[in-house]
Amino acid sequence: MTRVGFLCVGLMLYAGQAAAGSGSDGTPTLMIAPRASQVLNFVPRDVIDAHSSGEVWLRCGWTMARRLTKCRVIKEIPEGVGFGDAAIKGFETYGYLKKVRSASRDGEEMAFRFVWDVK
C-alpha cells in the first residue's frame, strides 16, 4: 500500500500581490488547503510511481465565494509529468479562503508552493 505524506508544505502569500481579503493587511488568507492525497488523486498512478516527490508553484485568483480560480503553474519539478495540472485541480477544487471583501481583479493573485513526498 502506498502512503502519501508531506516533506513540507509551504502555502505562502506574496506580500503586496492582493488587497481584497481578511488578513490584517487586507490580503486573503487560505483557510483550507488541499491535502497531498487530494492533489495526487488527479495524477495517474504510473506517474506517481515514476516520480515520488516534487514541487509546484502556483498563482491563483479568487472569487467572492472564497474559492481559488484561474490558477496557473509558475514552476513545476519535475516538469511536464502532470503534477502542475494536478495542483491546479486540487487547489481549485479543495482550497477555500477565509472571508474576502471582493473577488480578485486582473493582476491580483495569491502565490502557493506545494511540496510532496510519496512513501
PDB file of N, CA and C in Angstrom:
ATOM      1  N   MET A   1       0.849  -1.185   0.000  1.00  0.00           N
ATOM      2  CA  MET A   1       0.000   0.000   0.000  1.00  0.00           C
ATOM      3  C   MET A   1       0.892   1.245   0.000  1.00  0.00           C
ATOM      4  N   THR A   2       0.518   2.233  -0.781  1.00  0.00           N
ATOM      5  CA  THR A   2       1.281   3.467  -0.856  1.00  0.00           C
ATOM      6  C   THR A   2       0.727   4.467   0.143  1.00  0.00           C
ATOM      7  N   ARG A   3       1.619   5.084   0.891  1.00  0.00           N
ATOM      8  CA  ARG A   3       1.214   6.110   1.849  1.00  0.00           C
ATOM      9  C   ARG A   3       1.674   7.450   1.307  1.00  0.00           C
ATOM     10  N   VAL A   4       0.808   8.430   1.336  1.00  0.00           N
ATOM     11  CA  VAL A   4       1.148   9.757   0.851  1.00  0.00           C
ATOM     12  C   VAL A   4       1.385  10.666   2.041  1.00  0.00           C
ATOM     13  N   GLY A   5       2.490  11.403   1.998  1.00  0.00           N
ATOM     14  CA  GLY A   5       2.774  12.336   3.082  1.00  0.00           C
ATOM     15  C   GLY A   5       3.519  13.538   2.566  1.00  0.00           C
ATOM     16  N   PHE A   6       3.691  14.505   3.397  1.00  0.00           N
ATOM     17  CA  PHE A   6       4.408  15.719   3.044  1.00  0.00           C
ATOM     18  C   PHE A   6       5.813  15.694   3.584  1.00  0.00           C
ATOM     19  N   LEU A   7       6.762  16.148   2.794  1.00  0.00           N
ATOM     20  CA  LEU A   7       8.047  16.540   3.346  1.00  0.00           C
ATOM     21  C   LEU A   7       7.864  17.905   3.981  1.00  0.00           C
ATOM     22  N   CYS A   8       7.177  18.756   3.269  1.00  0.00           N
ATOM     23  CA  CYS A   8       6.886  20.087   3.785  1.00  0.00           C
ATOM     24  C   CYS A   8       5.839  20.704   2.893  1.00  0.00           C
ATOM     25  N   VAL A   9       5.023  21.546   3.438  1.00  0.00           N
ATOM     26  CA  VAL A   9       4.063  22.275   2.638  1.00  0.00           C
ATOM     27  C   VAL A   9       4.249  23.740   2.937  1.00  0.00           C
ATOM     28  N   GLY A  10       4.467  24.511   1.919  1.00  0.00           N
ATOM     29  CA  GLY A  10       4.545  25.947   2.091  1.00  0.00           C
ATOM     30  C   GLY A  10       3.400  26.578   1.356  1.00  0.00           C
ATOM     31  N   LEU A  11       2.487  27.188   2.048  1.00  0.00           N
ATOM     32  CA  LEU A  11       1.400  27.925   1.434  1.00  0.00           C
ATOM     33  C   LEU A  11       1.656  29.383   1.759  1.00  0.00           C
ATOM     34  N   MET A  12       2.152  30.092   0.782  1.00  0.00           N
ATOM     35  CA  MET A  12       2.675  31.415   1.057  1.00  0.00           C
ATOM     36  C   MET A  12       2.001  32.452   0.172  1.00  0.00           C
ATOM     37  N   LEU A  13       1.555  33.527   0.758  1.00  0.00           N
ATOM     38  CA  LEU A  13       1.000  34.652   0.020  1.00  0.00           C
ATOM     39  C   LEU A  13       2.098  35.686  -0.143  1.00  0.00           C
ATOM     40  N   TYR A  14       2.417  36.021  -1.368  1.00  0.00           N
ATOM     41  CA  TYR A  14       3.439  37.029  -1.600  1.00  0.00           C
ATOM     42  C   TYR A  14       2.908  38.396  -1.204  1.00  0.00           C
ATOM     43  N   ALA A  15       3.630  39.119  -0.403  1.00  0.00           N
ATOM     44  CA  ALA A  15       3.214  40.433   0.084  1.00  0.00           C
ATOM     45  C   ALA A  15       2.966  41.385  -1.068  1.00  0.00           C
ATOM     46  N   GLY A  16       1.894  42.142  -0.959  1.00  0.00           N
ATOM     47  CA  GLY A  16       1.602  43.184  -1.933  1.00  0.00           C
ATOM     48  C   GLY A  16       0.920  42.712  -3.194  1.00  0.00           C
ATOM     49  N   GLN A  17       0.615  41.422  -3.333  1.00  0.00           N
ATOM     50  CA  GLN A  17       0.006  40.928  -4.552  1.00  0.00           C
ATOM     51  C   GLN A  17      -1.519  40.945  -4.499  1.00  0.00           C
ATOM     52  N   ALA A  18      -2.095  41.045  -3.321  1.00  0.00           N
ATOM     53  CA  ALA A  18      -3.541  41.001  -3.206  1.00  0.00           C
ATOM     54  C   ALA A  18      -3.993  41.989  -2.150  1.00  0.00           C
ATOM     55  N   ALA A  19      -5.179  42.555  -2.361  1.00  0.00           N
ATOM     56  CA  ALA A  19      -5.643  43.565  -1.412  1.00  0.00           C
ATOM     57  C   ALA A  19      -7.137  43.475  -1.174  1.00  0.00           C
ATOM     58  N   ALA A  20      -7.689  42.280  -1.113  1.00  0.00           N
ATOM     59  CA  ALA A  20      -9.135  42.198  -1.017  1.00  0.00           C
ATOM     60  C   ALA A  20      -9.619  41.130  -0.054  1.00  0.00           C
ATOM     61  N   GLY A  21      -8.994  40.946   1.074  1.00  0.00           N
ATOM     62  CA  GLY A  21      -9.398  39.831   1.898  1.00  0.00           C
ATOM     63  C   GLY A  21      -9.471  40.093   3.366  1.00  0.00           C
ATOM     64  N   SER A  22      -9.112  39.077   4.141  1.00  0.00           N
ATOM     65  CA  SER A  22      -9.368  39.119   5.563  1.00  0.00           C
ATOM     66  C   SER A  22      -8.120  39.143   6.424  1.00  0.00           C
ATOM     67  N   GLY A  23      -6.933  39.143   5.850  1.00  0.00           N
ATOM     68  CA  GLY A  23      -5.721  39.225   6.656  1.00  0.00           C
ATOM     69  C   GLY A  23      -5.626  40.590   7.312  1.00  0.00           C
ATOM     70  N   SER A  24      -4.748  40.727   8.285  1.00  0.00           N
ATOM     71  CA  SER A  24      -4.623  42.000   8.994  1.00  0.00           C
ATOM     72  C   SER A  24      -4.221  43.132   8.055  1.00  0.00           C
ATOM     73  N   ASP A  25      -3.570  42.807   6.934  1.00  0.00           N
ATOM     74  CA  ASP A  25      -3.209  43.833   5.961  1.00  0.00           C
ATOM     75  C   ASP A  25      -4.175  43.872   4.780  1.00  0.00           C
ATOM     76  N   GLY A  26      -5.325  43.175   4.888  1.00  0.00           N
ATOM     77  CA  GLY A  26      -6.322  43.183   3.831  1.00  0.00           C
ATOM     78  C   GLY A  26      -6.147  42.075   2.807  1.00  0.00           C
ATOM     79  N   THR A  27      -5.160  41.231   2.951  1.00  0.00           N
ATOM     80  CA  THR A  27      -4.936  40.171   1.979  1.00  0.00           C
ATOM     81  C   THR A  27      -5.782  38.947   2.303  1.00  0.00           C
ATOM     82  N   PRO A  28      -6.202  38.196   1.275  1.00  0.00           N
ATOM     83  CA  PRO A  28      -6.944  36.967   1.539  1.00  0.00           C
ATOM     84  C   PRO A  28      -6.069  35.969   2.295  1.00  0.00           C
ATOM     85  N   THR A  29      -6.700  35.103   3.061  1.00  0.00           N
ATOM     86  CA  THR A  29      -5.987  34.099   3.833  1.00  0.00           C
ATOM     87  C   THR A  29      -6.562  32.735   3.493  1.00  0.00           C
ATOM     88  N   LEU A  30      -5.705  31.776   3.201  1.00  0.00           N
ATOM     89  CA  LEU A  30      -6.155  30.426   2.909  1.00  0.00           C
ATOM     90  C   LEU A  30      -6.629  29.771   4.201  1.00  0.00           C
ATOM     91  N   MET A  31      -7.885  29.290   4.201  1.00  0.00           N
ATOM     92  CA  MET A  31      -8.445  28.644   5.378  1.00  0.00           C
ATOM     93  C   MET A  31      -8.300  27.126   5.278  1.00  0.00           C
ATOM     94  N   ILE A  32      -8.578  26.583   4.088  1.00  0.00           N
ATOM     95  CA  ILE A  32      -8.472  25.146   3.875  1.00  0.00           C
ATOM     96  C   ILE A  32      -7.590  24.910   2.656  1.00  0.00           C
ATOM     97  N   ALA A  33      -6.500  24.183   2.851  1.00  0.00           N
ATOM     98  CA  ALA A  33      -5.611  23.804   1.756  1.00  0.00           C
ATOM     99  C   ALA A  33      -5.904  22.358   1.376  1.00  0.00           C
ATOM    100  N   PRO A  34      -5.711  22.008   0.114  1.00  0.00           N
ATOM    101  CA  PRO A  34      -5.906  20.604  -0.253  1.00  0.00           C
ATOM    102  C   PRO A  34      -4.839  19.725   0.399  1.00  0.00           C
ATOM    103  N   ARG A  35      -5.237  18.530   0.795  1.00  0.00           N
ATOM    104  CA  ARG A  35      -4.272  17.556   1.305  1.00  0.00           C
ATOM    105  C   ARG A  35      -3.489  16.983   0.128  1.00  0.00           C
ATOM    106  N   ALA A  36      -2.310  16.478   0.398  1.00  0.00           N
ATOM    107  CA  ALA A  36      -1.476  15.889  -0.661  1.00  0.00           C
ATOM    108  C   ALA A  36      -2.230  14.772  -1.378  1.00  0.00           C
ATOM    109  N   SER A  37      -2.928  13.944  -0.622  1.00  0.00           N
ATOM    110  CA  SER A  37      -3.659  12.834  -1.246  1.00  0.00           C
ATOM    111  C   SER A  37      -4.738  13.340  -2.198  1.00  0.00           C
ATOM    112  N   GLN A  38      -5.378  14.470  -1.881  1.00  0.00           N
ATOM    113  CA  GLN A  38      -6.394  15.030  -2.770  1.00  0.00           C
ATOM    114  C   GLN A  38      -5.781  15.509  -4.077  1.00  0.00           C
ATOM    115  N   VAL A  39      -4.635  16.160  -4.003  1.00  0.00           N
ATOM    116  CA  VAL A  39      -3.964  16.629  -5.209  1.00  0.00           C
ATOM    117  C   VAL A  39      -3.459  15.440  -6.021  1.00  0.00           C
ATOM    118  N   LEU A  40      -2.819  14.492  -5.353  1.00  0.00           N
ATOM    119  CA  LEU A  40      -2.227  13.361  -6.072  1.00  0.00           C
ATOM    120  C   LEU A  40      -3.276  12.429  -6.668  1.00  0.00           C
ATOM    121  N   ASN A  41      -4.525  12.508  -6.207  1.00  0.00           N
ATOM    122  CA  ASN A  41      -5.597  11.736  -6.844  1.00  0.00           C
ATOM    123  C   ASN A  41      -5.815  12.152  -8.292  1.00  0.00           C
ATOM    124  N   PHE A  42      -5.383  13.351  -8.663  1.00  0.00           N
ATOM    125  CA  PHE A  42      -5.524  13.840 -10.032  1.00  0.00           C
ATOM    126  C   PHE A  42      -4.348  13.424 -10.920  1.00  0.00           C
ATOM    127  N   VAL A  43      -3.350  12.726 -10.352  1.00  0.00           N
ATOM    128  CA  VAL A  43      -2.150  12.311 -11.088  1.00  0.00           C
ATOM    129  C   VAL A  43      -2.259  10.829 -11.411  1.00  0.00           C
ATOM    130  N   PRO A  44      -1.981  10.424 -12.669  1.00  0.00           N
ATOM    131  CA  PRO A  44      -2.015   8.996 -12.990  1.00  0.00           C
ATOM    132  C   PRO A  44      -1.039   8.188 -12.123  1.00  0.00           C
ATOM    133  N   ARG A  45      -1.436   7.003 -11.757  1.00  0.00           N
ATOM    134  CA  ARG A  45      -0.657   6.149 -10.855  1.00  0.00           C
ATOM    135  C   ARG A  45       0.762   5.884 -11.371  1.00  0.00           C
ATOM    136  N   ASP A  46       0.920   5.658 -12.677  1.00  0.00           N
ATOM    137  CA  ASP A  46       2.250   5.367 -13.220  1.00  0.00           C
ATOM    138  C   ASP A  46       3.182   6.570 -13.090  1.00  0.00           C
ATOM    139  N   VAL A  47       2.626   7.776 -13.133  1.00  0.00           N
ATOM    140  CA  VAL A  47       3.443   8.980 -12.951  1.00  0.00           C
ATOM    141  C   VAL A  47       3.912   9.080 -11.504  1.00  0.00           C
ATOM    142  N   ILE A  48       3.034   8.801 -10.559  1.00  0.00           N
ATOM    143  CA  ILE A  48       3.420   8.816  -9.143  1.00  0.00           C
ATOM    144  C   ILE A  48       4.492   7.774  -8.883  1.00  0.00           C
ATOM    145  N   ASP A  49       4.348   6.593  -9.470  1.00  0.00           N
ATOM    146  CA  ASP A  49       5.349   5.531  -9.276  1.00  0.00           C
ATOM    147  C   ASP A  49       6.716   5.956  -9.807  1.00  0.00           C
ATOM    148  N   ALA A  50       6.733   6.724 -10.895  1.00  0.00           N
ATOM    149  CA  ALA A  50       7.998   7.143 -11.510  1.00  0.00           C
ATOM    150  C   ALA A  50       8.612   8.378 -10.852  1.00  0.00           C
ATOM    151  N   HIS A  51       7.786   9.208 -10.244  1.00  0.00           N
ATOM    152  CA  HIS A  51       8.247  10.471  -9.644  1.00  0.00           C
ATOM    153  C   HIS A  51       7.615  10.609  -8.265  1.00  0.00           C
ATOM    154  N   SER A  52       8.312  10.195  -7.232  1.00  0.00           N
ATOM    155  CA  SER A  52       7.699  10.116  -5.909  1.00  0.00           C
ATOM    156  C   SER A  52       7.722  11.425  -5.115  1.00  0.00           C
ATOM    157  N   SER A  53       8.382  12.445  -5.627  1.00  0.00           N
ATOM    158  CA  SER A  53       8.370  13.718  -4.907  1.00  0.00           C
ATOM    159  C   SER A  53       8.508  14.861  -5.898  1.00  0.00           C
ATOM    160  N   GLY A  54       8.179  16.045  -5.442  1.00  0.00           N
ATOM    161  CA  GLY A  54       8.298  17.210  -6.300  1.00  0.00           C
ATOM    162  C   GLY A  54       7.728  18.455  -5.669  1.00  0.00           C
ATOM    163  N   GLU A  55       7.706  19.516  -6.469  1.00  0.00           N
ATOM    164  CA  GLU A  55       7.201  20.806  -6.015  1.00  0.00           C
ATOM    165  C   GLU A  55       6.450  21.493  -7.152  1.00  0.00           C
ATOM    166  N   VAL A  56       5.453  22.263  -6.781  1.00  0.00           N
ATOM    167  CA  VAL A  56       4.715  23.081  -7.742  1.00  0.00           C
ATOM    168  C   VAL A  56       4.499  24.455  -7.124  1.00  0.00           C
ATOM    169  N   TRP A  57       4.772  25.497  -7.897  1.00  0.00           N
ATOM    170  CA  TRP A  57       4.457  26.866  -7.502  1.00  0.00           C
ATOM    171  C   TRP A  57       3.279  27.319  -8.335  1.00  0.00           C
ATOM    172  N   LEU A  58       2.231  27.826  -7.673  1.00  0.00           N
ATOM    173  CA  LEU A  58       1.012  28.293  -8.335  1.00  0.00           C
ATOM    174  C   LEU A  58       0.746  29.755  -8.020  1.00  0.00           C
ATOM    175  N   ARG A  59       0.008  30.407  -8.898  1.00  0.00           N
ATOM    176  CA  ARG A  59      -0.572  31.720  -8.642  1.00  0.00           C
ATOM    177  C   ARG A  59      -2.050  31.602  -9.001  1.00  0.00           C
ATOM    178  N   CYS A  60      -2.927  32.091  -8.099  1.00  0.00           N
ATOM    179  CA  CYS A  60      -4.368  31.934  -8.277  1.00  0.00           C
ATOM    180  C   CYS A  60      -5.106  33.231  -7.957  1.00  0.00           C
ATOM    181  N   GLY A  61      -6.194  33.452  -8.656  1.00  0.00           N
ATOM    182  CA  GLY A  61      -7.150  34.487  -8.285  1.00  0.00           C
ATOM    183  C   GLY A  61      -8.162  33.882  -7.325  1.00  0.00           C
ATOM    184  N   TRP A  62      -9.182  34.653  -6.961  1.00  0.00           N
ATOM    185  CA  TRP A  62     -10.198  34.157  -6.025  1.00  0.00           C
ATOM    186  C   TRP A  62     -11.548  34.779  -6.339  1.00  0.00           C
ATOM    187  N   THR A  63     -12.600  34.116  -5.851  1.00  0.00           N
ATOM    188  CA  THR A  63     -13.970  34.566  -6.086  1.00  0.00           C
ATOM    189  C   THR A  63     -14.590  35.077  -4.787  1.00  0.00           C
ATOM    190  N   MET A  64     -15.751  35.713  -4.907  1.00  0.00           N
ATOM    191  CA  MET A  64     -16.492  36.147  -3.716  1.00  0.00           C
ATOM    192  C   MET A  64     -16.976  34.950  -2.903  1.00  0.00           C
ATOM    193  N   ALA A  65     -17.084  33.787  -3.552  1.00  0.00           N
ATOM    194  CA  ALA A  65     -17.477  32.562  -2.850  1.00  0.00           C
ATOM    195  C   ALA A  65     -16.296  31.948  -2.089  1.00  0.00           C
ATOM    196  N   ARG A  66     -15.158  32.684  -2.053  1.00  0.00           N
ATOM    197  CA  ARG A  66     -13.964  32.308  -1.285  1.00  0.00           C
ATOM    198  C   ARG A  66     -13.242  31.097  -1.872  1.00  0.00           C
ATOM    199  N   ARG A  67     -13.407  30.886  -3.169  1.00  0.00           N
ATOM    200  CA  ARG A  67     -12.742  29.784  -3.856  1.00  0.00           C
ATOM    201  C   ARG A  67     -11.596  30.314  -4.701  1.00  0.00           C
ATOM    202  N   LEU A  68     -10.575  29.478  -4.901  1.00  0.00           N
ATOM    203  CA  LEU A  68      -9.470  29.838  -5.783  1.00  0.00           C
ATOM    204  C   LEU A  68      -9.883  29.584  -7.223  1.00  0.00           C
ATOM    205  N   THR A  69      -9.412  30.435  -8.134  1.00  0.00           N
ATOM    206  CA  THR A  69      -9.798  30.339  -9.536  1.00  0.00           C
ATOM    207  C   THR A  69      -8.655  30.808 -10.428  1.00  0.00           C
ATOM    208  N   LYS A  70      -8.716  30.402 -11.665  1.00  0.00           N
ATOM    209  CA  LYS A  70      -7.736  30.825 -12.672  1.00  0.00           C
ATOM    210  C   LYS A  70      -6.297  30.573 -12.213  1.00  0.00           C
ATOM    211  N   CYS A  71      -6.074  29.438 -11.557  1.00  0.00           N
ATOM    212  CA  CYS A  71      -4.720  29.094 -11.113  1.00  0.00           C
ATOM    213  C   CYS A  71      -3.842  28.790 -12.322  1.00  0.00           C
ATOM    214  N   ARG A  72      -2.568  29.107 -12.185  1.00  0.00           N
ATOM    215  CA  ARG A  72      -1.597  28.805 -13.240  1.00  0.00           C
ATOM    216  C   ARG A  72      -0.294  28.366 -12.587  1.00  0.00           C
ATOM    217  N   VAL A  73       0.421  27.503 -13.280  1.00  0.00           N
ATOM    218  CA  VAL A  73       1.687  26.979 -12.787  1.00  0.00           C
ATOM    219  C   VAL A  73       2.797  27.967 -13.111  1.00  0.00           C
ATOM    220  N   ILE A  74       3.573  28.322 -12.108  1.00  0.00           N
ATOM    221  CA  ILE A  74       4.741  29.182 -12.283  1.00  0.00           C
ATOM    222  C   ILE A  74       5.990  28.324 -12.445  1.00  0.00           C
ATOM    223  N   LYS A  75       6.067  27.247 -11.652  1.00  0.00           N
ATOM    224  CA  LYS A  75       7.211  26.345 -11.711  1.00  0.00           C
ATOM    225  C   LYS A  75       6.748  24.961 -11.270  1.00  0.00           C
ATOM    226  N   GLU A  76       7.319  23.939 -11.908  1.00  0.00           N
ATOM    227  CA  GLU A  76       6.938  22.557 -11.610  1.00  0.00           C
ATOM    228  C   GLU A  76       8.193  21.687 -11.658  1.00  0.00           C
ATOM    229  N   ILE A  77       8.401  20.903 -10.589  1.00  0.00           N
ATOM    230  CA  ILE A  77       9.536  19.974 -10.533  1.00  0.00           C
ATOM    231  C   ILE A  77       8.998  18.612 -10.110  1.00  0.00           C
ATOM    232  N   PRO A  78       9.131  17.567 -10.926  1.00  0.00           N
ATOM    233  CA  PRO A  78       9.671  17.552 -12.276  1.00  0.00           C
ATOM    234  C   PRO A  78       8.676  18.175 -13.263  1.00  0.00           C
ATOM    235  N   GLU A  79       9.195  18.703 -14.348  1.00  0.00           N
ATOM    236  CA  GLU A  79       8.363  19.388 -15.334  1.00  0.00           C
ATOM    237  C   GLU A  79       7.640  18.414 -16.262  1.00  0.00           C
ATOM    238  N   GLY A  80       6.426  18.811 -16.650  1.00  0.00           N
ATOM    239  CA  GLY A  80       5.724  18.145 -17.734  1.00  0.00           C
ATOM    240  C   GLY A  80       5.155  16.759 -17.488  1.00  0.00           C
ATOM    241  N   VAL A  81       5.053  16.337 -16.237  1.00  0.00           N
ATOM    242  CA  VAL A  81       4.514  14.998 -15.984  1.00  0.00           C
ATOM    243  C   VAL A  81       3.109  15.034 -15.391  1.00  0.00           C
ATOM    244  N   GLY A  82       2.565  16.211 -15.171  1.00  0.00           N
ATOM    245  CA  GLY A  82       1.181  16.316 -14.715  1.00  0.00           C
ATOM    246  C   GLY A  82       0.965  16.805 -13.305  1.00  0.00           C
ATOM    247  N   PHE A  83       2.042  16.995 -12.525  1.00  0.00           N
ATOM    248  CA  PHE A  83       1.851  17.460 -11.154  1.00  0.00           C
ATOM    249  C   PHE A  83       1.320  18.895 -11.105  1.00  0.00           C
ATOM    250  N   GLY A  84       1.728  19.729 -12.053  1.00  0.00           N
ATOM    251  CA  GLY A  84       1.228  21.112 -12.098  1.00  0.00           C
ATOM    252  C   GLY A  84      -0.269  21.153 -12.326  1.00  0.00           C
ATOM    253  N   ASP A  85      -0.742  20.393 -13.315  1.00  0.00           N
ATOM    254  CA  ASP A  85      -2.183  20.332 -13.579  1.00  0.00           C
ATOM    255  C   ASP A  85      -2.943  19.763 -12.383  1.00  0.00           C
ATOM    256  N   ALA A  86      -2.350  18.763 -11.730  1.00  0.00           N
ATOM    257  CA  ALA A  86      -2.991  18.173 -10.549  1.00  0.00           C
ATOM    258  C   ALA A  86      -3.082  19.193  -9.415  1.00  0.00           C
ATOM    259  N   ALA A  87      -2.023  19.986  -9.219  1.00  0.00           N
ATOM    260  CA  ALA A  87      -2.052  21.010  -8.168  1.00  0.00           C
ATOM    261  C   ALA A  87      -3.124  22.053  -8.464  1.00  0.00           C
ATOM    262  N   ILE A  88      -3.250  22.460  -9.722  1.00  0.00           N
ATOM    263  CA  ILE A  88      -4.310  23.414 -10.088  1.00  0.00           C
ATOM    264  C   ILE A  88      -5.669  22.826  -9.739  1.00  0.00           C
ATOM    265  N   LYS A  89      -5.938  21.604 -10.175  1.00  0.00           N
ATOM    266  CA  LYS A  89      -7.234  20.969  -9.886  1.00  0.00           C
ATOM    267  C   LYS A  89      -7.463  20.841  -8.381  1.00  0.00           C
ATOM    268  N   GLY A  90      -6.410  20.446  -7.648  1.00  0.00           N
ATOM    269  CA  GLY A  90      -6.551  20.286  -6.198  1.00  0.00           C
ATOM    270  C   GLY A  90      -6.841  21.597  -5.489  1.00  0.00           C
ATOM    271  N   PHE A  91      -6.103  22.649  -5.837  1.00  0.00           N
ATOM    272  CA  PHE A  91      -6.320  23.937  -5.176  1.00  0.00           C
ATOM    273  C   PHE A  91      -7.662  24.539  -5.579  1.00  0.00           C
ATOM    274  N   GLU A  92      -8.050  24.433  -6.845  1.00  0.00           N
ATOM    275  CA  GLU A  92      -9.337  24.993  -7.257  1.00  0.00           C
ATOM    276  C   GLU A  92     -10.509  24.182  -6.725  1.00  0.00           C
ATOM    277  N   THR A  93     -10.326  22.883  -6.511  1.00  0.00           N
ATOM    278  CA  THR A  93     -11.396  22.027  -6.001  1.00  0.00           C
ATOM    279  C   THR A  93     -11.511  22.090  -4.477  1.00  0.00           C
ATOM    280  N   TYR A  94     -10.379  22.047  -3.773  1.00  0.00           N
ATOM    281  CA  TYR A  94     -10.394  21.899  -2.316  1.00  0.00           C
ATOM    282  C   TYR A  94      -9.938  23.140  -1.544  1.00  0.00           C
ATOM    283  N   GLY A  95      -9.269  24.078  -2.189  1.00  0.00           N
ATOM    284  CA  GLY A  95      -8.818  25.279  -1.495  1.00  0.00           C
ATOM    285  C   GLY A  95      -9.986  26.196  -1.159  1.00  0.00           C
ATOM    286  N   TYR A  96      -9.931  26.784   0.027  1.00  0.00           N
ATOM    287  CA  TYR A  96     -11.036  27.629   0.487  1.00  0.00           C
ATOM    288  C   TYR A  96     -10.451  28.757   1.322  1.00  0.00           C
ATOM    289  N   LEU A  97     -10.857  29.981   1.039  1.00  0.00           N
ATOM    290  CA  LEU A  97     -10.316  31.154   1.723  1.00  0.00           C
ATOM    291  C   LEU A  97     -11.181  31.574   2.901  1.00  0.00           C
ATOM    292  N   LYS A  98     -10.565  32.281   3.852  1.00  0.00           N
ATOM    293  CA  LYS A  98     -11.346  32.971   4.879  1.00  0.00           C
ATOM    294  C   LYS A  98     -12.079  34.106   4.193  1.00  0.00           C
ATOM    295  N   LYS A  99     -12.844  34.849   4.913  1.00  0.00           N
ATOM    296  CA  LYS A  99     -13.658  35.931   4.372  1.00  0.00           C
ATOM    297  C   LYS A  99     -12.850  36.846   3.441  1.00  0.00           C
ATOM    298  N   VAL A 100     -13.439  37.182   2.292  1.00  0.00           N
ATOM    299  CA  VAL A 100     -12.827  38.131   1.361  1.00  0.00           C
ATOM    300  C   VAL A 100     -13.785  39.300   1.150  1.00  0.00           C
ATOM    301  N   ARG A 101     -13.232  40.446   0.849  1.00  0.00           N
ATOM    302  CA  ARG A 101     -14.064  41.649   0.636  1.00  0.00           C
ATOM    303  C   ARG A 101     -14.573  41.765  -0.786  1.00  0.00           C
ATOM    304  N   SER A 102     -13.810  41.217  -1.737  1.00  0.00           N
ATOM    305  CA  SER A 102     -14.218  41.252  -3.140  1.00  0.00           C
ATOM    306  C   SER A 102     -13.444  40.173  -3.889  1.00  0.00           C
ATOM    307  N   ALA A 103     -13.918  39.864  -5.087  1.00  0.00           N
ATOM    308  CA  ALA A 103     -13.196  38.918  -5.934  1.00  0.00           C
ATOM    309  C   ALA A 103     -11.910  39.577  -6.412  1.00  0.00           C
ATOM    310  N   SER A 104     -10.947  38.750  -6.794  1.00  0.00           N
ATOM    311  CA  SER A 104      -9.691  39.307  -7.294  1.00  0.00           C
ATOM    312  C   SER A 104      -9.931  40.017  -8.622  1.00  0.00           C
ATOM    313  N   ARG A 105      -9.133  41.032  -8.846  1.00  0.00           N
ATOM    314  CA  ARG A 105      -9.162  41.753 -10.119  1.00  0.00           C
ATOM    315  C   ARG A 105      -7.975  41.289 -10.949  1.00  0.00           C
ATOM    316  N   ASP A 106      -7.934  41.675 -12.216  1.00  0.00           N
ATOM    317  CA  ASP A 106      -6.797  41.323 -13.064  1.00  0.00           C
ATOM    318  C   ASP A 106      -5.506  41.731 -12.375  1.00  0.00           C
ATOM    319  N   GLY A 107      -4.567  40.803 -12.291  1.00  0.00           N
ATOM    320  CA  GLY A 107      -3.275  41.081 -11.672  1.00  0.00           C
ATOM    321  C   GLY A 107      -3.208  40.791 -10.185  1.00  0.00           C
ATOM    322  N   GLU A 108      -4.335  40.604  -9.524  1.00  0.00           N
ATOM    323  CA  GLU A 108      -4.332  40.239  -8.099  1.00  0.00           C
ATOM    324  C   GLU A 108      -4.293  38.724  -7.999  1.00  0.00           C
ATOM    325  N   GLU A 109      -3.270  38.192  -7.359  1.00  0.00           N
ATOM    326  CA  GLU A 109      -3.119  36.757  -7.234  1.00  0.00           C
ATOM    327  C   GLU A 109      -2.501  36.396  -5.893  1.00  0.00           C
ATOM    328  N   MET A 110      -2.806  35.178  -5.451  1.00  0.00           N
ATOM    329  CA  MET A 110      -2.142  34.590  -4.289  1.00  0.00           C
ATOM    330  C   MET A 110      -1.141  33.594  -4.841  1.00  0.00           C
ATOM    331  N   ALA A 111      -0.003  33.456  -4.187  1.00  0.00           N
ATOM    332  CA  ALA A 111       1.016  32.513  -4.633  1.00  0.00           C
ATOM    333  C   ALA A 111       1.150  31.384  -3.618  1.00  0.00           C
ATOM    334  N   PHE A 112       1.291  30.156  -4.120  1.00  0.00           N
ATOM    335  CA  PHE A 112       1.399  28.977  -3.278  1.00  0.00           C
ATOM    336  C   PHE A 112       2.554  28.110  -3.737  1.00  0.00           C
ATOM    337  N   ARG A 113       3.172  27.435  -2.793  1.00  0.00           N
ATOM    338  CA  ARG A 113       4.185  26.423  -3.083  1.00  0.00           C
ATOM    339  C   ARG A 113       3.691  25.122  -2.462  1.00  0.00           C
ATOM    340  N   PHE A 114       3.566  24.092  -3.272  1.00  0.00           N
ATOM    341  CA  PHE A 114       3.058  22.801  -2.825  1.00  0.00           C
ATOM    342  C   PHE A 114       4.161  21.770  -3.003  1.00  0.00           C
ATOM    343  N   VAL A 115       4.574  21.119  -1.922  1.00  0.00           N
ATOM    344  CA  VAL A 115       5.668  20.151  -1.933  1.00  0.00           C
ATOM    345  C   VAL A 115       5.155  18.828  -1.378  1.00  0.00           C
ATOM    346  N   TRP A 116       5.522  17.720  -2.024  1.00  0.00           N
ATOM    347  CA  TRP A 116       5.053  16.420  -1.559  1.00  0.00           C
ATOM    348  C   TRP A 116       6.146  15.367  -1.649  1.00  0.00           C
ATOM    349  N   ASP A 117       5.898  14.272  -0.917  1.00  0.00           N
ATOM    350  CA  ASP A 117       6.767  13.098  -0.932  1.00  0.00           C
ATOM    351  C   ASP A 117       5.860  11.885  -0.783  1.00  0.00           C
ATOM    352  N   VAL A 118       5.943  10.953  -1.714  1.00  0.00           N
ATOM    353  CA  VAL A 118       5.131   9.740  -1.642  1.00  0.00           C
ATOM    354  C   VAL A 118       5.992   8.629  -1.067  1.00  0.00           C
ATOM    355  N   LYS A 119       5.529   7.990   0.010  1.00  0.00           N
ATOM    356  CA  LYS A 119       6.291   6.926   0.671  1.00  0.00           C
ATOM    357  C   LYS A 119       5.538   5.618   0.587  1.00  0.00           C
TER     358      LYS A 119
END
